[in-house]
Amino acid sequence: MTFVEAVRVCLKDKYCCFRGRASRSEFWWFSLCIGLINLGANLLLSPLPRGTAMGLNFVISLALLLPNLGVTVRRLHDRNLAGWWLLIPIVSLLLWLLGRGAPGGEAGPASALLSLSMCICYLAILSMPGTAGPNRFGPDPLAAEQARD
């Protein structure tokens, strides 16, 4: 899947779709798109007053939230994992924040290491190849991509 195809699928065809599967290329191309949109928005909005720029950035992030969550859940489905695995980075962030609230106000090395380890494992899961052939979430997206070519 190309960059343009991934953006079209995630922003048009499957804007708020949490069913089915997403190939690695669909997920990573769309992640790059979100990064480029955020970078461009920050550059374009930087001359504006800080409150206005932050408000517009929030609106852009909110508009991209559902397609981002959708493609991430579909990517997890491709690995034959339930969408609830999406909570790993959230739990990781909460653990780190709770560690910062510990006596002394700083997260201990153990809290930071646990949080970092959870995020690395999560990225590894998203980077691994999907289940070959159909799984409980649908047909293999690579087979569909190869059939189109």
N, C-alpha and C. Protein backbone atom coordinates (compact mmCIF):
# COMPACT_ATOMS: atom_id res chain seq x y z
N MET A 1 0.85 -1.17 0.00
CA MET A 1 0.00 0.00 0.00
C MET A 1 0.90 1.24 0.00
N THR A 2 0.53 2.20 -0.81
CA THR A 2 1.32 3.43 -0.90
C THR A 2 0.85 4.44 0.14
N PHE A 3 1.63 5.51 0.26
CA PHE A 3 1.30 6.59 1.20
C PHE A 3 -0.09 7.16 0.89
N VAL A 4 -0.34 7.48 -0.37
CA VAL A 4 -1.61 8.09 -0.77
C VAL A 4 -2.77 7.13 -0.52
N GLU A 5 -2.58 5.86 -0.84
CA GLU A 5 -3.65 4.87 -0.59
C GLU A 5 -3.97 4.76 0.90
N ALA A 6 -2.94 4.73 1.73
CA ALA A 6 -3.14 4.62 3.17
C ALA A 6 -3.90 5.82 3.71
N VAL A 7 -3.54 7.01 3.26
CA VAL A 7 -4.23 8.22 3.71
C VAL A 7 -5.68 8.20 3.25
N ARG A 8 -5.92 7.80 2.00
CA ARG A 8 -7.29 7.74 1.48
C ARG A 8 -8.12 6.74 2.27
N VAL A 9 -7.56 5.57 2.53
CA VAL A 9 -8.29 4.54 3.27
C VAL A 9 -8.62 5.02 4.67
N CYS A 10 -7.64 5.60 5.35
CA CYS A 10 -7.84 5.99 6.76
C CYS A 10 -8.69 7.24 6.93
N LEU A 11 -8.61 8.17 5.99
CA LEU A 11 -9.36 9.42 6.15
C LEU A 11 -10.69 9.43 5.41
N LYS A 12 -10.86 8.54 4.43
CA LYS A 12 -12.09 8.56 3.65
C LYS A 12 -12.87 7.26 3.80
N ASP A 13 -12.26 6.16 3.40
CA ASP A 13 -12.98 4.88 3.37
C ASP A 13 -13.26 4.32 4.76
N LYS A 14 -12.32 4.47 5.68
CA LYS A 14 -12.45 3.86 7.01
C LYS A 14 -12.16 4.89 8.10
N TYR A 15 -12.76 6.06 8.00
CA TYR A 15 -12.47 7.15 8.94
C TYR A 15 -12.68 6.74 10.40
N CYS A 16 -13.77 6.08 10.67
CA CYS A 16 -14.10 5.69 12.05
C CYS A 16 -14.39 4.19 12.10
N CYS A 17 -13.54 3.41 11.46
CA CYS A 17 -13.76 1.97 11.35
C CYS A 17 -12.80 1.22 12.28
N PHE A 18 -13.38 0.43 13.16
CA PHE A 18 -12.59 -0.34 14.11
C PHE A 18 -12.70 -1.84 13.82
N ARG A 19 -13.26 -2.19 12.68
CA ARG A 19 -13.41 -3.60 12.30
C ARG A 19 -12.46 -3.92 11.16
N GLY A 20 -12.07 -5.17 11.10
CA GLY A 20 -11.19 -5.60 10.04
C GLY A 20 -9.72 -5.51 10.44
N ARG A 21 -8.88 -5.50 9.43
CA ARG A 21 -7.44 -5.55 9.65
C ARG A 21 -6.75 -4.47 8.83
N ALA A 22 -5.60 -4.02 9.30
CA ALA A 22 -4.78 -3.05 8.58
C ALA A 22 -3.37 -3.60 8.46
N SER A 23 -2.82 -3.52 7.27
CA SER A 23 -1.45 -3.98 7.05
C SER A 23 -0.47 -3.02 7.71
N ARG A 24 0.77 -3.48 7.82
CA ARG A 24 1.80 -2.62 8.40
C ARG A 24 1.97 -1.35 7.59
N SER A 25 1.95 -1.49 6.26
CA SER A 25 2.15 -0.30 5.42
C SER A 25 1.03 0.71 5.62
N GLU A 26 -0.22 0.24 5.72
CA GLU A 26 -1.33 1.17 5.97
C GLU A 26 -1.12 1.91 7.28
N PHE A 27 -0.78 1.18 8.33
CA PHE A 27 -0.59 1.79 9.64
C PHE A 27 0.56 2.78 9.65
N TRP A 28 1.73 2.36 9.16
CA TRP A 28 2.90 3.23 9.27
C TRP A 28 2.83 4.41 8.32
N TRP A 29 2.26 4.25 7.11
CA TRP A 29 2.10 5.38 6.21
C TRP A 29 1.15 6.41 6.81
N PHE A 30 0.07 5.92 7.43
CA PHE A 30 -0.86 6.87 8.04
C PHE A 30 -0.24 7.53 9.27
N SER A 31 0.56 6.82 10.02
CA SER A 31 1.27 7.42 11.16
C SER A 31 2.20 8.53 10.68
N LEU A 32 2.89 8.29 9.57
CA LEU A 32 3.74 9.33 8.98
C LEU A 32 2.90 10.53 8.57
N CYS A 33 1.74 10.28 7.97
CA CYS A 33 0.85 11.36 7.55
C CYS A 33 0.45 12.21 8.75
N ILE A 34 0.07 11.57 9.85
CA ILE A 34 -0.32 12.31 11.06
C ILE A 34 0.86 13.15 11.57
N GLY A 35 2.05 12.58 11.57
CA GLY A 35 3.23 13.32 11.99
C GLY A 35 3.48 14.53 11.11
N LEU A 36 3.34 14.36 9.79
CA LEU A 36 3.55 15.47 8.86
C LEU A 36 2.49 16.55 9.02
N ILE A 37 1.24 16.13 9.24
CA ILE A 37 0.16 17.11 9.47
C ILE A 37 0.44 17.90 10.74
N ASN A 38 0.84 17.23 11.80
CA ASN A 38 1.14 17.93 13.05
C ASN A 38 2.33 18.87 12.91
N LEU A 39 3.36 18.42 12.21
CA LEU A 39 4.52 19.27 11.98
C LEU A 39 4.13 20.50 11.16
N GLY A 40 3.39 20.29 10.07
CA GLY A 40 2.94 21.40 9.23
C GLY A 40 2.06 22.37 9.99
N ALA A 41 1.14 21.83 10.79
CA ALA A 41 0.26 22.69 11.58
C ALA A 41 1.07 23.53 12.57
N ASN A 42 2.03 22.91 13.23
CA ASN A 42 2.86 23.66 14.18
C ASN A 42 3.64 24.77 13.49
N LEU A 43 4.16 24.48 12.31
CA LEU A 43 4.92 25.51 11.58
C LEU A 43 4.01 26.64 11.11
N LEU A 44 2.84 26.28 10.58
CA LEU A 44 1.93 27.30 10.06
C LEU A 44 1.28 28.13 11.17
N LEU A 45 1.04 27.50 12.30
CA LEU A 45 0.34 28.19 13.39
C LEU A 45 1.28 28.91 14.36
N SER A 46 2.59 28.73 14.21
CA SER A 46 3.53 29.32 15.16
C SER A 46 3.48 30.85 15.22
N PRO A 47 3.18 31.55 14.12
CA PRO A 47 3.10 33.02 14.24
C PRO A 47 1.87 33.51 15.02
N LEU A 48 0.86 32.67 15.17
CA LEU A 48 -0.36 33.07 15.87
C LEU A 48 -0.12 33.14 17.37
N PRO A 49 -1.01 33.85 18.09
CA PRO A 49 -0.89 33.84 19.56
C PRO A 49 -0.96 32.41 20.09
N ARG A 50 -0.26 32.20 21.18
CA ARG A 50 -0.11 30.84 21.70
C ARG A 50 -1.44 30.14 21.96
N GLY A 51 -2.40 30.81 22.58
CA GLY A 51 -3.70 30.21 22.87
C GLY A 51 -4.44 29.81 21.61
N THR A 52 -4.39 30.66 20.59
CA THR A 52 -5.06 30.37 19.32
C THR A 52 -4.40 29.18 18.64
N ALA A 53 -3.07 29.16 18.61
CA ALA A 53 -2.34 28.06 17.98
C ALA A 53 -2.63 26.74 18.69
N MET A 54 -2.65 26.78 20.02
CA MET A 54 -2.94 25.56 20.78
C MET A 54 -4.37 25.08 20.51
N GLY A 55 -5.30 26.00 20.43
CA GLY A 55 -6.69 25.64 20.16
C GLY A 55 -6.85 25.01 18.79
N LEU A 56 -6.22 25.59 17.77
CA LEU A 56 -6.30 25.03 16.42
C LEU A 56 -5.59 23.68 16.34
N ASN A 57 -4.45 23.54 17.02
CA ASN A 57 -3.76 22.24 17.07
C ASN A 57 -4.64 21.19 17.72
N PHE A 58 -5.36 21.59 18.77
CA PHE A 58 -6.27 20.66 19.44
C PHE A 58 -7.37 20.20 18.49
N VAL A 59 -7.93 21.12 17.70
CA VAL A 59 -8.99 20.76 16.74
C VAL A 59 -8.45 19.80 15.70
N ILE A 60 -7.25 20.05 15.20
CA ILE A 60 -6.63 19.15 14.21
C ILE A 60 -6.40 17.78 14.82
N SER A 61 -5.86 17.74 16.02
CA SER A 61 -5.62 16.45 16.70
C SER A 61 -6.92 15.70 16.95
N LEU A 62 -7.95 16.42 17.32
CA LEU A 62 -9.25 15.80 17.56
C LEU A 62 -9.83 15.22 16.27
N ALA A 63 -9.65 15.92 15.14
CA ALA A 63 -10.13 15.43 13.85
C ALA A 63 -9.40 14.16 13.43
N LEU A 64 -8.14 14.03 13.83
CA LEU A 64 -7.34 12.85 13.45
C LEU A 64 -7.42 11.73 14.48
N LEU A 65 -8.06 11.96 15.62
CA LEU A 65 -8.08 10.97 16.68
C LEU A 65 -8.80 9.68 16.26
N LEU A 66 -10.01 9.78 15.74
CA LEU A 66 -10.76 8.57 15.37
C LEU A 66 -10.08 7.75 14.28
N PRO A 67 -9.61 8.37 13.18
CA PRO A 67 -8.91 7.53 12.21
C PRO A 67 -7.62 6.93 12.75
N ASN A 68 -6.94 7.65 13.64
CA ASN A 68 -5.71 7.13 14.25
C ASN A 68 -6.02 5.92 15.14
N LEU A 69 -7.04 6.05 15.99
CA LEU A 69 -7.43 4.93 16.84
C LEU A 69 -7.93 3.75 15.98
N GLY A 70 -8.69 4.06 14.94
CA GLY A 70 -9.22 3.02 14.08
C GLY A 70 -8.13 2.21 13.40
N VAL A 71 -7.16 2.89 12.80
CA VAL A 71 -6.10 2.15 12.11
C VAL A 71 -5.23 1.38 13.10
N THR A 72 -5.08 1.90 14.31
CA THR A 72 -4.29 1.20 15.32
C THR A 72 -5.02 -0.07 15.77
N VAL A 73 -6.31 0.03 16.00
CA VAL A 73 -7.09 -1.16 16.38
C VAL A 73 -7.07 -2.18 15.24
N ARG A 74 -7.23 -1.72 14.00
CA ARG A 74 -7.18 -2.66 12.86
C ARG A 74 -5.80 -3.30 12.73
N ARG A 75 -4.75 -2.55 13.06
CA ARG A 75 -3.39 -3.11 13.02
C ARG A 75 -3.24 -4.19 14.09
N LEU A 76 -3.78 -3.94 15.28
CA LEU A 76 -3.76 -4.96 16.33
C LEU A 76 -4.56 -6.18 15.89
N HIS A 77 -5.69 -5.96 15.23
CA HIS A 77 -6.48 -7.07 14.71
C HIS A 77 -5.67 -7.90 13.72
N ASP A 78 -4.83 -7.24 12.93
CA ASP A 78 -4.00 -7.97 11.97
C ASP A 78 -3.04 -8.92 12.69
N ARG A 79 -2.66 -8.57 13.90
CA ARG A 79 -1.80 -9.43 14.72
C ARG A 79 -2.63 -10.45 15.51
N ASN A 80 -3.96 -10.45 15.27
CA ASN A 80 -4.92 -11.33 15.96
C ASN A 80 -5.03 -10.97 17.44
N LEU A 81 -4.93 -9.67 17.73
CA LEU A 81 -5.06 -9.16 19.10
C LEU A 81 -6.30 -8.27 19.17
N ALA A 82 -6.96 -8.29 20.30
CA ALA A 82 -8.14 -7.43 20.50
C ALA A 82 -7.71 -5.97 20.56
N GLY A 83 -8.62 -5.08 20.23
CA GLY A 83 -8.35 -3.65 20.25
C GLY A 83 -8.01 -3.11 21.62
N TRP A 84 -8.35 -3.85 22.67
CA TRP A 84 -8.04 -3.41 24.03
C TRP A 84 -6.54 -3.28 24.27
N TRP A 85 -5.74 -3.91 23.44
CA TRP A 85 -4.29 -3.76 23.56
C TRP A 85 -3.86 -2.31 23.34
N LEU A 86 -4.76 -1.52 22.78
CA LEU A 86 -4.50 -0.10 22.58
C LEU A 86 -4.28 0.62 23.91
N LEU A 87 -4.71 0.01 24.99
CA LEU A 87 -4.55 0.62 26.32
C LEU A 87 -3.13 0.55 26.86
N ILE A 88 -2.25 -0.25 26.24
CA ILE A 88 -0.89 -0.39 26.74
C ILE A 88 -0.17 0.95 26.86
N PRO A 89 -0.15 1.79 25.82
CA PRO A 89 0.56 3.06 26.00
C PRO A 89 -0.13 3.98 27.01
N ILE A 90 -1.44 3.88 27.14
CA ILE A 90 -2.15 4.71 28.11
C ILE A 90 -1.79 4.28 29.53
N VAL A 91 -1.78 2.97 29.77
CA VAL A 91 -1.38 2.45 31.08
C VAL A 91 0.07 2.82 31.37
N SER A 92 0.91 2.73 30.35
CA SER A 92 2.31 3.09 30.50
C SER A 92 2.46 4.54 30.93
N LEU A 93 1.73 5.43 30.28
CA LEU A 93 1.79 6.84 30.64
C LEU A 93 1.27 7.06 32.06
N LEU A 94 0.19 6.39 32.41
CA LEU A 94 -0.35 6.53 33.77
C LEU A 94 0.64 6.05 34.82
N LEU A 95 1.30 4.93 34.55
CA LEU A 95 2.30 4.43 35.49
C LEU A 95 3.43 5.44 35.69
N TRP A 96 3.86 6.03 34.60
CA TRP A 96 4.93 7.02 34.68
C TRP A 96 4.47 8.25 35.46
N LEU A 97 3.24 8.73 35.15
CA LEU A 97 2.72 9.90 35.86
C LEU A 97 2.51 9.62 37.34
N LEU A 98 2.02 8.42 37.67
CA LEU A 98 1.85 8.06 39.07
C LEU A 98 3.19 8.00 39.79
N GLY A 99 4.21 7.54 39.10
CA GLY A 99 5.56 7.50 39.67
C GLY A 99 6.08 8.89 39.96
N ARG A 100 5.69 9.86 39.14
CA ARG A 100 6.13 11.25 39.37
C ARG A 100 5.47 11.83 40.60
N GLY A 101 4.27 11.32 40.94
CA GLY A 101 3.57 11.83 42.10
C GLY A 101 4.01 11.18 43.40
N ALA A 102 4.96 10.28 43.31
CA ALA A 102 5.47 9.61 44.51
C ALA A 102 6.21 10.61 45.38
N PRO A 103 6.43 10.26 46.65
CA PRO A 103 7.19 11.18 47.53
C PRO A 103 8.50 11.59 46.87
N GLY A 104 8.76 12.85 46.89
CA GLY A 104 9.96 13.38 46.23
C GLY A 104 9.62 14.01 44.90
N GLY A 105 8.46 13.69 44.33
CA GLY A 105 7.98 14.32 43.11
C GLY A 105 8.62 13.86 41.83
N GLU A 106 9.55 12.97 41.87
CA GLU A 106 10.20 12.49 40.66
C GLU A 106 9.90 11.02 40.46
N ALA A 107 9.72 10.64 39.20
CA ALA A 107 9.51 9.23 38.89
C ALA A 107 10.82 8.51 39.14
N GLY A 108 10.72 7.42 39.84
CA GLY A 108 11.91 6.63 40.07
C GLY A 108 12.35 5.94 38.79
N PRO A 109 13.58 5.49 38.75
CA PRO A 109 14.08 4.81 37.55
C PRO A 109 13.25 3.59 37.20
N ALA A 110 12.72 2.90 38.19
CA ALA A 110 11.93 1.69 37.91
C ALA A 110 10.66 2.06 37.17
N SER A 111 10.00 3.14 37.56
CA SER A 111 8.77 3.58 36.91
C SER A 111 9.05 3.99 35.46
N ALA A 112 10.10 4.74 35.25
CA ALA A 112 10.46 5.18 33.91
C ALA A 112 10.86 3.98 33.03
N LEU A 113 11.60 3.05 33.60
CA LEU A 113 12.02 1.87 32.85
C LEU A 113 10.82 1.00 32.47
N LEU A 114 9.88 0.83 33.39
CA LEU A 114 8.68 0.05 33.10
C LEU A 114 7.87 0.70 32.00
N SER A 115 7.69 2.01 32.08
CA SER A 115 6.93 2.74 31.07
C SER A 115 7.60 2.63 29.70
N LEU A 116 8.90 2.83 29.66
CA LEU A 116 9.64 2.73 28.41
C LEU A 116 9.56 1.32 27.84
N SER A 117 9.69 0.32 28.69
CA SER A 117 9.62 -1.08 28.24
C SER A 117 8.26 -1.41 27.64
N MET A 118 7.20 -0.91 28.28
CA MET A 118 5.86 -1.17 27.75
C MET A 118 5.67 -0.53 26.38
N CYS A 119 6.18 0.68 26.20
CA CYS A 119 6.07 1.36 24.91
C CYS A 119 6.88 0.65 23.83
N ILE A 120 8.06 0.19 24.16
CA ILE A 120 8.89 -0.54 23.19
C ILE A 120 8.21 -1.84 22.79
N CYS A 121 7.65 -2.56 23.75
CA CYS A 121 6.92 -3.80 23.43
C CYS A 121 5.73 -3.51 22.54
N TYR A 122 5.02 -2.43 22.82
CA TYR A 122 3.86 -2.05 22.02
C TYR A 122 4.27 -1.74 20.58
N LEU A 123 5.35 -0.98 20.41
CA LEU A 123 5.83 -0.69 19.06
C LEU A 123 6.29 -1.95 18.34
N ALA A 124 6.87 -2.88 19.09
CA ALA A 124 7.29 -4.15 18.48
C ALA A 124 6.07 -4.92 17.99
N ILE A 125 5.01 -4.95 18.78
CA ILE A 125 3.79 -5.64 18.38
C ILE A 125 3.24 -5.03 17.09
N LEU A 126 3.20 -3.69 17.02
CA LEU A 126 2.68 -3.02 15.83
C LEU A 126 3.57 -3.21 14.61
N SER A 127 4.85 -3.50 14.84
CA SER A 127 5.80 -3.65 13.74
C SER A 127 5.88 -5.07 13.19
N MET A 128 5.39 -6.03 13.93
CA MET A 128 5.50 -7.43 13.50
C MET A 128 4.51 -7.73 12.37
N PRO A 129 4.84 -8.71 11.53
CA PRO A 129 3.91 -9.08 10.46
C PRO A 129 2.59 -9.57 11.04
N GLY A 130 1.53 -9.36 10.27
CA GLY A 130 0.21 -9.82 10.68
C GLY A 130 0.07 -11.32 10.53
N THR A 131 -1.05 -11.82 11.01
CA THR A 131 -1.37 -13.24 10.88
C THR A 131 -1.51 -13.58 9.41
N ALA A 132 -0.83 -14.60 8.96
CA ALA A 132 -0.96 -15.03 7.56
C ALA A 132 -2.34 -15.66 7.36
N GLY A 133 -3.01 -15.26 6.29
CA GLY A 133 -4.32 -15.80 6.02
C GLY A 133 -5.37 -15.16 6.91
N PRO A 134 -6.61 -15.63 6.79
CA PRO A 134 -7.68 -15.03 7.60
C PRO A 134 -7.50 -15.33 9.08
N ASN A 135 -7.98 -14.43 9.92
CA ASN A 135 -8.03 -14.68 11.36
C ASN A 135 -9.42 -14.26 11.85
N ARG A 136 -9.63 -14.23 13.13
CA ARG A 136 -10.97 -13.95 13.67
C ARG A 136 -11.47 -12.55 13.35
N PHE A 137 -10.59 -11.68 12.86
CA PHE A 137 -10.99 -10.30 12.55
C PHE A 137 -11.20 -10.05 11.07
N GLY A 138 -10.95 -11.06 10.24
CA GLY A 138 -11.21 -10.90 8.82
C GLY A 138 -10.10 -11.45 7.95
N PRO A 139 -10.22 -11.20 6.65
CA PRO A 139 -9.23 -11.71 5.70
C PRO A 139 -7.90 -10.96 5.81
N ASP A 140 -6.87 -11.58 5.31
CA ASP A 140 -5.52 -11.01 5.33
C ASP A 140 -5.47 -9.79 4.41
N PRO A 141 -5.10 -8.59 4.92
CA PRO A 141 -5.07 -7.40 4.07
C PRO A 141 -3.97 -7.48 3.01
N LEU A 142 -2.90 -8.23 3.28
CA LEU A 142 -1.84 -8.37 2.27
C LEU A 142 -2.33 -9.15 1.06
N ALA A 143 -3.16 -10.16 1.30
CA ALA A 143 -3.71 -10.94 0.20
C ALA A 143 -4.59 -10.05 -0.68
N ALA A 144 -5.36 -9.16 -0.04
CA ALA A 144 -6.20 -8.24 -0.81
C ALA A 144 -5.35 -7.24 -1.60
N GLU A 145 -4.26 -6.75 -1.00
CA GLU A 145 -3.38 -5.82 -1.70
C GLU A 145 -2.70 -6.49 -2.90
N GLN A 146 -2.26 -7.72 -2.71
CA GLN A 146 -1.60 -8.45 -3.79
C GLN A 146 -2.58 -8.80 -4.91
N ALA A 147 -3.83 -9.04 -4.56
CA ALA A 147 -4.84 -9.34 -5.58
C ALA A 147 -5.12 -8.11 -6.45
N ARG A 148 -5.02 -6.90 -5.86
CA ARG A 148 -5.24 -5.66 -6.63
C ARG A 148 -4.12 -5.41 -7.61
N ASP A 149 -2.90 -5.79 -7.22
CA ASP A 149 -1.72 -5.49 -8.07
C ASP A 149 -1.65 -6.34 -9.28
